[in-house]
N, C-alpha and C. Protein backbone atom coordinates (compact mmCIF):
# COMPACT_ATOMS: atom_id res chain seq x y z
N UNK A 1 1.83 -53.35 -4.95
CA UNK A 1 2.44 -54.90 -4.91
C UNK A 1 3.49 -55.18 -4.23
N UNK A 2 3.23 -55.66 -3.27
CA UNK A 2 4.40 -56.26 -2.10
C UNK A 2 5.62 -57.17 -2.94
N UNK A 3 6.69 -56.80 -2.08
CA UNK A 3 8.28 -57.38 -2.91
C UNK A 3 7.77 -58.72 -2.11
N UNK A 4 8.37 -60.09 -3.25
CA UNK A 4 8.27 -61.09 -3.08
C UNK A 4 9.71 -61.79 -2.49
N UNK A 5 9.62 -62.90 -1.71
CA UNK A 5 10.88 -63.25 -1.08
C UNK A 5 11.63 -64.29 -2.27
N UNK A 6 12.51 -63.29 -1.97
CA UNK A 6 13.51 -64.56 -3.55
C UNK A 6 14.92 -65.65 -2.23
N UNK A 7 15.16 -66.24 -2.79
CA UNK A 7 16.31 -67.01 -1.94
C UNK A 7 17.75 -67.09 -3.19
N UNK A 8 18.51 -67.51 -2.94
CA UNK A 8 19.65 -67.24 -3.46
C UNK A 8 19.70 -67.87 -4.74
N UNK A 9 18.75 -69.71 -4.71
CA UNK A 9 18.58 -70.11 -6.34
C UNK A 9 17.88 -69.07 -7.18
N UNK A 10 16.30 -68.14 -6.61
CA UNK A 10 15.69 -67.23 -7.56
C UNK A 10 16.39 -66.23 -7.96
N UNK A 11 17.30 -65.67 -7.31
CA UNK A 11 18.15 -64.81 -7.61
C UNK A 11 18.96 -65.22 -8.75
N UNK A 12 20.03 -66.27 -8.62
CA UNK A 12 20.93 -66.75 -9.86
C UNK A 12 20.14 -66.97 -10.77
N UNK A 13 18.94 -67.62 -11.11
CA UNK A 13 18.21 -67.72 -11.87
C UNK A 13 17.57 -66.14 -12.57
N UNK A 14 16.67 -65.25 -11.71
CA UNK A 14 16.84 -64.35 -12.40
C UNK A 14 17.90 -63.39 -12.77
N UNK A 15 19.19 -63.36 -12.20
CA UNK A 15 20.07 -62.84 -12.79
C UNK A 15 20.62 -63.44 -14.39
N UNK A 16 21.00 -65.00 -14.61
CA UNK A 16 20.93 -65.48 -15.95
C UNK A 16 20.05 -65.23 -16.96
N UNK A 17 19.02 -65.13 -16.30
CA UNK A 17 17.69 -64.58 -17.62
C UNK A 17 17.63 -63.42 -17.95
N UNK A 18 18.06 -62.39 -17.08
CA UNK A 18 18.56 -60.98 -17.53
C UNK A 18 19.29 -60.95 -18.49
N UNK A 19 20.00 -61.54 -18.62
CA UNK A 19 21.54 -61.32 -19.50
C UNK A 19 21.62 -62.49 -21.15
N UNK A 20 20.45 -63.54 -20.53
CA UNK A 20 20.44 -64.49 -21.66
C UNK A 20 18.76 -65.08 -21.35
N UNK A 21 17.81 -64.49 -22.06
CA UNK A 21 16.85 -64.39 -21.80
C UNK A 21 16.29 -65.83 -22.60
N UNK A 22 17.12 -66.24 -23.82
CA UNK A 22 16.73 -67.47 -24.30
C UNK A 22 17.61 -68.59 -24.37
N UNK A 23 18.37 -68.57 -23.24
CA UNK A 23 18.47 -69.77 -22.74
C UNK A 23 17.67 -70.62 -22.28
N UNK A 24 17.82 -71.86 -22.91
CA UNK A 24 17.26 -73.12 -22.59
C UNK A 24 16.67 -73.79 -20.96
N UNK A 25 16.28 -74.59 -20.83
CA UNK A 25 15.63 -74.57 -19.22
C UNK A 25 16.90 -75.49 -18.86
N UNK A 26 17.36 -76.46 -19.84
CA UNK A 26 18.36 -77.73 -19.78
C UNK A 26 19.68 -76.86 -19.31
N UNK A 27 20.13 -75.53 -19.93
CA UNK A 27 21.08 -74.82 -19.86
C UNK A 27 21.21 -74.32 -18.46
N UNK A 28 20.00 -73.65 -18.36
CA UNK A 28 19.72 -72.76 -16.93
C UNK A 28 19.81 -73.84 -15.72
N UNK A 29 18.86 -74.99 -15.95
CA UNK A 29 19.45 -75.89 -14.78
C UNK A 29 20.86 -76.24 -14.00
N UNK A 30 21.33 -76.47 -15.49
CA UNK A 30 23.07 -76.76 -15.19
C UNK A 30 23.45 -75.35 -14.79
N UNK A 31 23.60 -74.44 -14.98
CA UNK A 31 24.28 -72.85 -14.58
C UNK A 31 24.36 -72.94 -13.02
N UNK A 32 22.62 -73.24 -12.61
CA UNK A 32 22.58 -72.73 -11.20
C UNK A 32 22.44 -74.16 -10.33
N UNK A 33 22.97 -75.14 -11.32
CA UNK A 33 23.26 -76.53 -10.20
C UNK A 33 21.75 -76.83 -9.73
N UNK A 34 20.79 -77.21 -9.97
CA UNK A 34 19.28 -77.59 -10.04
C UNK A 34 19.44 -78.69 -11.39
N UNK A 35 18.36 -79.53 -11.04
CA UNK A 35 17.82 -80.30 -11.84
C UNK A 35 16.86 -79.64 -12.68
N UNK A 36 16.49 -80.08 -13.93
CA UNK A 36 15.93 -79.22 -14.82
C UNK A 36 14.57 -79.15 -14.50
N UNK A 37 13.73 -80.01 -13.81
CA UNK A 37 12.11 -80.26 -13.60
C UNK A 37 12.07 -79.41 -12.22
N UNK A 38 13.16 -79.23 -11.61
CA UNK A 38 13.19 -78.15 -10.25
C UNK A 38 13.12 -76.97 -10.77
N UNK A 39 14.05 -76.57 -11.54
CA UNK A 39 14.17 -75.35 -12.37
C UNK A 39 12.96 -74.70 -13.10
N UNK A 40 12.79 -75.67 -13.89
CA UNK A 40 11.04 -75.20 -14.42
C UNK A 40 10.22 -75.03 -13.53
N UNK A 41 10.13 -75.62 -12.36
CA UNK A 41 9.07 -75.33 -11.63
C UNK A 41 9.27 -73.93 -10.73
N UNK A 42 10.68 -74.03 -10.58
CA UNK A 42 10.95 -72.34 -9.98
C UNK A 42 10.15 -71.19 -11.06
N UNK A 43 11.41 -71.41 -12.00
CA UNK A 43 10.68 -70.58 -13.33
C UNK A 43 9.52 -70.46 -13.57
N UNK A 44 8.61 -71.24 -13.46
CA UNK A 44 6.94 -70.94 -13.58
C UNK A 44 6.40 -70.36 -12.60
N UNK A 45 6.82 -70.63 -10.99
CA UNK A 45 6.60 -69.66 -10.30
C UNK A 45 6.49 -68.58 -10.05
N UNK A 46 8.39 -67.85 -10.20
CA UNK A 46 8.29 -66.70 -10.56
C UNK A 46 7.49 -65.50 -12.05
N UNK A 47 7.63 -66.72 -13.12
CA UNK A 47 6.32 -65.76 -13.84
C UNK A 47 4.86 -65.92 -13.40
N UNK A 48 4.11 -66.83 -12.50
CA UNK A 48 2.72 -66.92 -11.53
C UNK A 48 2.98 -65.69 -10.97
N UNK A 49 4.14 -65.51 -10.07
CA UNK A 49 3.84 -64.13 -9.07
C UNK A 49 4.29 -62.78 -9.52
N UNK A 50 4.90 -63.20 -10.91
CA UNK A 50 4.43 -61.59 -11.79
C UNK A 50 6.21 -61.07 -11.60
N UNK A 51 7.21 -61.62 -11.20
CA UNK A 51 8.77 -61.61 -10.82
C UNK A 51 8.85 -61.12 -12.12
N UNK A 52 8.62 -62.77 -12.71
CA UNK A 52 9.04 -61.92 -14.60
C UNK A 52 7.91 -61.37 -15.24
N UNK A 53 7.87 -60.67 -15.66
CA UNK A 53 6.65 -59.88 -16.38
C UNK A 53 6.78 -60.53 -17.90
N UNK A 54 7.88 -60.46 -18.71
CA UNK A 54 7.55 -60.91 -20.26
C UNK A 54 9.30 -60.99 -20.63
N UNK A 55 9.12 -61.67 -21.36
CA UNK A 55 10.69 -62.11 -22.31
C UNK A 55 10.34 -61.57 -23.67
N UNK A 56 11.66 -60.73 -23.77
CA UNK A 56 11.89 -59.84 -24.93
C UNK A 56 13.29 -59.64 -25.41
N UNK A 57 13.63 -59.31 -26.86
CA UNK A 57 14.65 -59.25 -27.70
C UNK A 57 15.54 -57.52 -27.65
N UNK A 58 16.78 -57.75 -27.09
CA UNK A 58 16.78 -56.12 -27.03
C UNK A 58 17.82 -55.86 -28.56
N UNK A 59 16.59 -55.19 -29.32
CA UNK A 59 17.32 -54.95 -30.61
C UNK A 59 18.12 -53.29 -30.53
N UNK A 60 19.18 -53.47 -31.68
CA UNK A 60 20.30 -52.47 -31.64
C UNK A 60 19.93 -51.05 -32.30
N UNK A 61 19.93 -50.20 -31.80
CA UNK A 61 18.77 -49.01 -32.32
C UNK A 61 19.30 -48.11 -33.54
N UNK A 62 20.75 -48.29 -33.13
CA UNK A 62 21.69 -47.66 -34.52
C UNK A 62 21.59 -48.70 -35.74
N UNK A 63 21.58 -49.82 -35.50
CA UNK A 63 21.31 -51.07 -36.43
C UNK A 63 20.16 -50.65 -37.29
N UNK A 64 19.22 -49.98 -36.58
CA UNK A 64 17.86 -49.84 -37.10
C UNK A 64 17.88 -48.47 -37.95
N UNK A 65 18.59 -47.64 -37.46
CA UNK A 65 19.06 -46.34 -38.11
C UNK A 65 18.57 -45.36 -37.56
N UNK A 66 18.42 -45.45 -35.84
CA UNK A 66 17.69 -44.82 -35.17
C UNK A 66 18.93 -44.14 -34.29
N UNK A 67 19.73 -43.26 -34.96
CA UNK A 67 20.21 -42.49 -34.40
C UNK A 67 21.02 -41.45 -33.26
N UNK A 68 19.40 -40.96 -33.12
CA UNK A 68 19.73 -39.67 -32.22
C UNK A 68 18.66 -40.26 -31.04
N UNK A 69 19.34 -39.69 -29.73
CA UNK A 69 18.52 -40.21 -28.67
C UNK A 69 18.41 -38.61 -27.98
N UNK A 70 17.03 -38.89 -27.42
CA UNK A 70 17.01 -37.17 -26.49
C UNK A 70 16.30 -37.44 -25.50
N UNK A 71 16.39 -37.22 -24.48
CA UNK A 71 15.47 -37.29 -22.61
C UNK A 71 14.73 -36.03 -22.73
N UNK A 72 13.32 -35.81 -23.18
CA UNK A 72 12.62 -34.21 -23.16
C UNK A 72 12.05 -34.17 -21.99
N UNK A 73 12.21 -33.33 -21.43
CA UNK A 73 11.29 -32.79 -20.54
C UNK A 73 10.02 -31.83 -20.56
N UNK A 74 9.23 -32.11 -20.51
CA UNK A 74 7.99 -31.39 -21.15
C UNK A 74 6.66 -31.12 -19.77
N UNK A 75 6.65 -29.70 -20.01
CA UNK A 75 5.97 -28.88 -18.68
C UNK A 75 4.17 -28.45 -19.33
N UNK A 76 3.79 -28.78 -18.69
CA UNK A 76 1.87 -28.82 -19.28
C UNK A 76 1.29 -27.14 -18.63
N UNK A 77 0.16 -26.95 -19.06
CA UNK A 77 -0.79 -26.07 -18.65
C UNK A 77 -2.06 -26.69 -18.09
N UNK A 78 -2.21 -26.55 -17.03
CA UNK A 78 -2.51 -27.26 -16.04
C UNK A 78 -4.16 -26.86 -16.34
N UNK A 79 -4.45 -25.74 -17.21
CA UNK A 79 -5.95 -24.95 -16.93
C UNK A 79 -6.89 -25.44 -17.67
N UNK A 80 -6.26 -26.74 -18.68
CA UNK A 80 -7.24 -27.66 -19.65
C UNK A 80 -7.30 -28.64 -18.93
N UNK A 81 -8.64 -29.17 -19.52
CA UNK A 81 -9.34 -30.14 -18.44
C UNK A 81 -9.12 -31.63 -19.12
N UNK A 82 -8.49 -32.46 -18.51
CA UNK A 82 -7.88 -33.69 -18.12
C UNK A 82 -6.84 -33.84 -19.51
N UNK A 83 -6.39 -32.62 -18.90
CA UNK A 83 -4.71 -32.48 -19.83
C UNK A 83 -3.81 -33.52 -19.29
N UNK A 84 -3.74 -34.23 -18.52
CA UNK A 84 -2.84 -35.33 -18.02
C UNK A 84 -3.70 -36.55 -19.23
N UNK A 85 -4.39 -37.28 -18.89
CA UNK A 85 -5.13 -37.85 -19.78
C UNK A 85 -4.89 -37.88 -21.25
N UNK A 86 -5.08 -36.76 -21.99
CA UNK A 86 -5.06 -36.13 -23.19
C UNK A 86 -3.48 -36.61 -23.59
N UNK A 87 -2.61 -36.16 -22.50
CA UNK A 87 -1.17 -36.02 -22.77
C UNK A 87 -0.69 -37.47 -23.25
N UNK A 88 -1.31 -38.19 -22.23
CA UNK A 88 -1.15 -39.53 -21.89
C UNK A 88 -1.15 -40.82 -23.08
N UNK A 89 -2.46 -40.25 -23.42
CA UNK A 89 -2.98 -40.97 -24.48
C UNK A 89 -2.09 -41.05 -25.72
N UNK A 90 -1.98 -39.23 -26.24
CA UNK A 90 -1.16 -38.75 -27.25
C UNK A 90 0.35 -39.71 -27.40
N UNK A 91 0.89 -39.57 -26.13
CA UNK A 91 2.35 -40.06 -25.80
C UNK A 91 2.70 -41.87 -26.52
N UNK A 92 1.71 -42.83 -25.81
CA UNK A 92 1.27 -43.66 -25.94
C UNK A 92 1.47 -44.41 -27.79
N UNK A 93 1.04 -43.22 -28.19
CA UNK A 93 0.36 -43.16 -29.82
C UNK A 93 1.70 -42.97 -30.56
N UNK A 94 2.73 -42.13 -29.78
CA UNK A 94 3.97 -41.95 -30.89
C UNK A 94 5.02 -42.95 -30.41
N UNK A 95 5.23 -43.44 -31.63
CA UNK A 95 6.43 -44.73 -31.85
C UNK A 95 8.18 -43.76 -31.38
N UNK A 96 7.88 -42.54 -31.32
CA UNK A 96 9.21 -41.87 -31.31
C UNK A 96 9.38 -42.27 -29.67
N UNK A 97 8.42 -41.88 -29.01
CA UNK A 97 8.46 -42.27 -26.96
C UNK A 97 8.75 -43.78 -26.70
N UNK A 98 9.99 -43.85 -26.56
CA UNK A 98 10.23 -45.16 -25.96
C UNK A 98 9.81 -45.26 -24.60
N UNK A 99 10.14 -44.38 -23.91
CA UNK A 99 9.74 -44.34 -22.41
C UNK A 99 9.38 -42.74 -22.14
N UNK A 100 8.41 -43.15 -21.19
CA UNK A 100 7.54 -41.82 -20.69
C UNK A 100 6.99 -42.09 -19.20
N UNK A 101 7.94 -41.37 -18.58
CA UNK A 101 7.72 -40.88 -16.78
C UNK A 101 6.95 -39.68 -16.54
N UNK A 102 6.15 -39.84 -15.47
CA UNK A 102 5.68 -38.24 -14.95
C UNK A 102 6.35 -38.13 -13.50
N UNK A 103 6.61 -36.97 -13.20
CA UNK A 103 8.33 -36.72 -12.64
C UNK A 103 8.17 -35.71 -11.68
N UNK A 104 8.56 -35.60 -10.55
CA UNK A 104 8.78 -34.04 -9.79
C UNK A 104 9.47 -33.25 -10.18
N UNK A 105 9.71 -32.08 -9.43
CA UNK A 105 10.65 -30.97 -10.26
C UNK A 105 9.43 -30.05 -10.84
N UNK A 106 10.44 -29.65 -12.12
CA UNK A 106 10.08 -28.00 -12.78
C UNK A 106 9.29 -28.91 -14.04
N UNK A 107 9.29 -30.09 -14.52
CA UNK A 107 8.54 -30.38 -15.42
C UNK A 107 7.54 -31.33 -15.06
N UNK A 108 6.72 -31.70 -15.97
CA UNK A 108 5.88 -32.98 -15.57
C UNK A 108 6.00 -33.85 -16.18
N UNK A 109 6.32 -34.31 -17.12
CA UNK A 109 6.77 -35.43 -17.73
C UNK A 109 8.12 -35.40 -18.23
N UNK A 110 8.96 -36.71 -18.17
CA UNK A 110 10.10 -36.71 -18.98
C UNK A 110 9.89 -37.81 -19.67
N UNK A 111 10.18 -38.08 -21.35
CA UNK A 111 10.30 -38.93 -22.47
C UNK A 111 11.59 -39.00 -22.84
N UNK A 112 11.88 -40.60 -23.00
CA UNK A 112 12.87 -41.10 -24.02
C UNK A 112 12.43 -41.16 -25.34
N UNK A 113 13.06 -40.37 -26.35
CA UNK A 113 13.11 -40.25 -27.57
C UNK A 113 13.65 -41.03 -28.66
N UNK A 114 13.37 -41.96 -29.66
CA UNK A 114 14.61 -42.18 -30.42
C UNK A 114 13.61 -41.61 -31.82
N UNK A 115 15.02 -41.01 -32.99
CA UNK A 115 14.83 -40.43 -33.68
C UNK A 115 15.65 -40.96 -34.95
N UNK A 116 15.44 -41.03 -36.09
CA UNK A 116 16.35 -41.41 -37.20
C UNK A 116 17.72 -40.47 -37.22
N UNK A 117 17.21 -39.25 -37.00
CA UNK A 117 18.07 -38.14 -37.27
C UNK A 117 17.53 -37.07 -36.62
N UNK A 118 18.42 -35.78 -37.06
CA UNK A 118 17.82 -34.21 -36.11
C UNK A 118 16.41 -33.82 -36.73
N UNK A 119 16.77 -34.05 -38.37
CA UNK A 119 15.38 -33.57 -38.55
C UNK A 119 14.06 -34.30 -38.03
N UNK A 120 14.15 -35.90 -38.10
CA UNK A 120 13.50 -36.31 -37.73
C UNK A 120 12.62 -35.90 -36.22
N UNK A 121 13.85 -35.99 -35.35
CA UNK A 121 13.72 -35.16 -33.86
C UNK A 121 12.88 -33.79 -34.05
N UNK A 122 13.31 -33.40 -35.17
CA UNK A 122 12.84 -31.83 -35.24
C UNK A 122 11.32 -31.67 -35.75
N UNK A 123 10.86 -32.87 -36.47
CA UNK A 123 10.00 -33.11 -37.25
C UNK A 123 8.57 -33.42 -36.44
N UNK A 124 9.08 -34.20 -35.33
CA UNK A 124 8.51 -35.26 -34.02
C UNK A 124 8.27 -33.92 -33.06
N UNK A 125 9.26 -33.19 -32.86
CA UNK A 125 8.80 -32.03 -31.79
C UNK A 125 7.96 -30.72 -32.37
N UNK A 126 8.07 -30.58 -33.58
CA UNK A 126 7.11 -29.72 -34.24
C UNK A 126 5.84 -29.83 -34.49
N UNK A 127 5.65 -31.08 -35.21
CA UNK A 127 4.29 -31.41 -35.91
C UNK A 127 3.80 -32.32 -34.54
N UNK A 128 4.19 -32.69 -33.55
CA UNK A 128 3.43 -33.94 -32.51
C UNK A 128 3.75 -33.05 -31.02
N UNK A 129 4.63 -33.14 -30.57
CA UNK A 129 5.03 -32.62 -29.09
C UNK A 129 4.29 -31.31 -29.21
N UNK A 130 4.60 -30.78 -29.69
CA UNK A 130 4.32 -28.98 -29.27
C UNK A 130 2.76 -28.95 -29.90
N UNK A 131 2.13 -29.95 -30.06
CA UNK A 131 0.92 -29.80 -30.67
C UNK A 131 -0.35 -30.40 -29.98
N UNK A 132 0.34 -31.33 -29.07
CA UNK A 132 -0.42 -32.01 -28.09
C UNK A 132 -0.89 -30.77 -26.88
N UNK A 133 -2.07 -31.46 -26.72
CA UNK A 133 -3.01 -30.38 -26.18
C UNK A 133 -2.38 -30.11 -24.43
N UNK A 134 -2.47 -29.06 -24.26
CA UNK A 134 -1.82 -28.38 -22.85
C UNK A 134 -0.49 -28.21 -22.59
N UNK A 135 0.53 -28.66 -23.58
CA UNK A 135 1.79 -28.23 -23.80
C UNK A 135 2.22 -26.79 -23.97
N UNK A 136 3.09 -26.70 -22.46
CA UNK A 136 3.31 -25.02 -22.26
C UNK A 136 5.16 -25.44 -22.89
N UNK A 137 5.95 -26.08 -22.35
CA UNK A 137 6.83 -25.83 -22.72
C UNK A 137 7.74 -27.34 -22.57
N UNK A 138 8.81 -27.32 -23.36
CA UNK A 138 9.80 -28.55 -24.06
C UNK A 138 11.38 -28.15 -24.18
N UNK A 139 12.12 -28.92 -22.97
CA UNK A 139 13.72 -29.09 -22.72
C UNK A 139 14.39 -30.14 -23.89
N UNK A 140 14.75 -30.06 -24.35
CA UNK A 140 15.43 -31.46 -24.58
C UNK A 140 16.93 -31.39 -24.62
N UNK A 141 17.37 -32.72 -24.18
CA UNK A 141 18.42 -33.20 -23.47
C UNK A 141 19.01 -34.24 -24.43
N UNK A 142 20.05 -34.27 -25.93
CA UNK A 142 20.39 -35.18 -26.68
C UNK A 142 21.49 -35.73 -25.96
N UNK A 143 21.32 -37.09 -26.37
CA UNK A 143 22.23 -37.88 -25.81
C UNK A 143 23.77 -38.04 -26.54
N UNK A 144 24.96 -37.26 -26.14
CA UNK A 144 25.65 -37.52 -26.60
C UNK A 144 26.79 -38.77 -26.46
N UNK A 145 26.77 -39.64 -25.42
CA UNK A 145 27.56 -40.57 -25.61
C UNK A 145 26.54 -41.64 -24.46
N UNK A 146 26.43 -43.19 -24.23
CA UNK A 146 26.09 -44.04 -23.35
C UNK A 146 26.88 -44.36 -22.43
N UNK A 147 26.93 -44.41 -20.96
CA UNK A 147 28.07 -44.81 -20.46
C UNK A 147 26.97 -46.12 -19.35
N UNK A 148 25.71 -45.57 -19.62
CA UNK A 148 25.10 -47.13 -19.10
C UNK A 148 23.80 -47.28 -19.61
N UNK A 149 23.24 -48.27 -19.71
CA UNK A 149 21.89 -48.51 -20.23
C UNK A 149 21.24 -49.90 -20.04
N UNK A 150 20.20 -49.76 -19.63
CA UNK A 150 19.14 -51.22 -19.22
C UNK A 150 20.17 -52.26 -18.92
N UNK A 151 20.25 -52.08 -17.53
CA UNK A 151 21.73 -53.37 -17.20
C UNK A 151 20.51 -54.15 -16.30
N UNK A 152 19.20 -53.94 -16.46
CA UNK A 152 18.18 -54.92 -16.05
C UNK A 152 17.83 -54.44 -14.38
N UNK A 153 17.00 -55.27 -13.57
CA UNK A 153 17.23 -55.15 -12.21
C UNK A 153 18.29 -55.50 -10.70
N UNK A 154 18.23 -54.79 -10.21
CA UNK A 154 19.10 -55.40 -9.19
C UNK A 154 18.47 -56.68 -8.48
N UNK A 155 19.38 -58.03 -8.88
CA UNK A 155 18.35 -59.07 -8.12
C UNK A 155 19.29 -59.29 -6.91
N UNK A 156 18.52 -59.07 -5.34
CA UNK A 156 19.06 -59.55 -4.23
C UNK A 156 18.31 -59.87 -3.32
N UNK A 157 18.75 -60.31 -2.63
CA UNK A 157 17.53 -61.10 -1.28
C UNK A 157 17.06 -60.22 -1.10
N UNK A 158 15.70 -60.76 -1.10
CA UNK A 158 14.35 -60.17 -0.11
C UNK A 158 13.78 -60.40 1.02
N UNK A 159 13.98 -59.93 1.79
CA UNK A 159 13.37 -60.03 3.33
C UNK A 159 11.94 -60.64 3.25
N UNK A 160 11.58 -61.90 3.55
CA UNK A 160 10.38 -62.47 4.02
C UNK A 160 9.17 -61.26 4.49
N UNK A 161 8.30 -61.17 3.81
CA UNK A 161 7.11 -60.64 4.47
C UNK A 161 6.87 -60.31 5.48
N UNK A 162 6.97 -59.28 6.29
CA UNK A 162 5.87 -59.41 8.55
C UNK A 162 4.99 -59.56 8.28
N UNK A 163 4.53 -60.58 8.71
CA UNK A 163 3.17 -60.65 8.85
C UNK A 163 2.24 -59.30 10.11
N UNK A 164 0.80 -59.02 9.31
CA UNK A 164 0.63 -58.21 9.76
C UNK A 164 -0.52 -58.26 11.09
């Protein structure tokens, strides 16, 4: 996907929305010094272009009892047929895995896992992760403190696409 060309007004809209997703169009227009109709037109265009993928609420995981966070490196055996597809399917079904990435380096995958407790995490690793087809090695990193989290996507002016 090619980068969309954004102007300063688009960047201001996106910055406000990343921090205040429930802001009304009227308040958004006032904050960025546009008329409400012009603001809504720009907002709809950003949605249509796929710059804004969706709106959602950010939940406090600790308030929901999810006190343990871990980043888990998973290495796979490559000798099983469809090992990647089978593992990817399993990962999508586990509610404990809130993010999963295919990565370079010593492991094949990096998972972000949330659990209610160490016992919950241990049960997840032993009953789900270790039993997934092709898993060879698991290395867990338990988060002790979060310094920065999900601050959104950096919004800056993007150059106009060059014609081919």
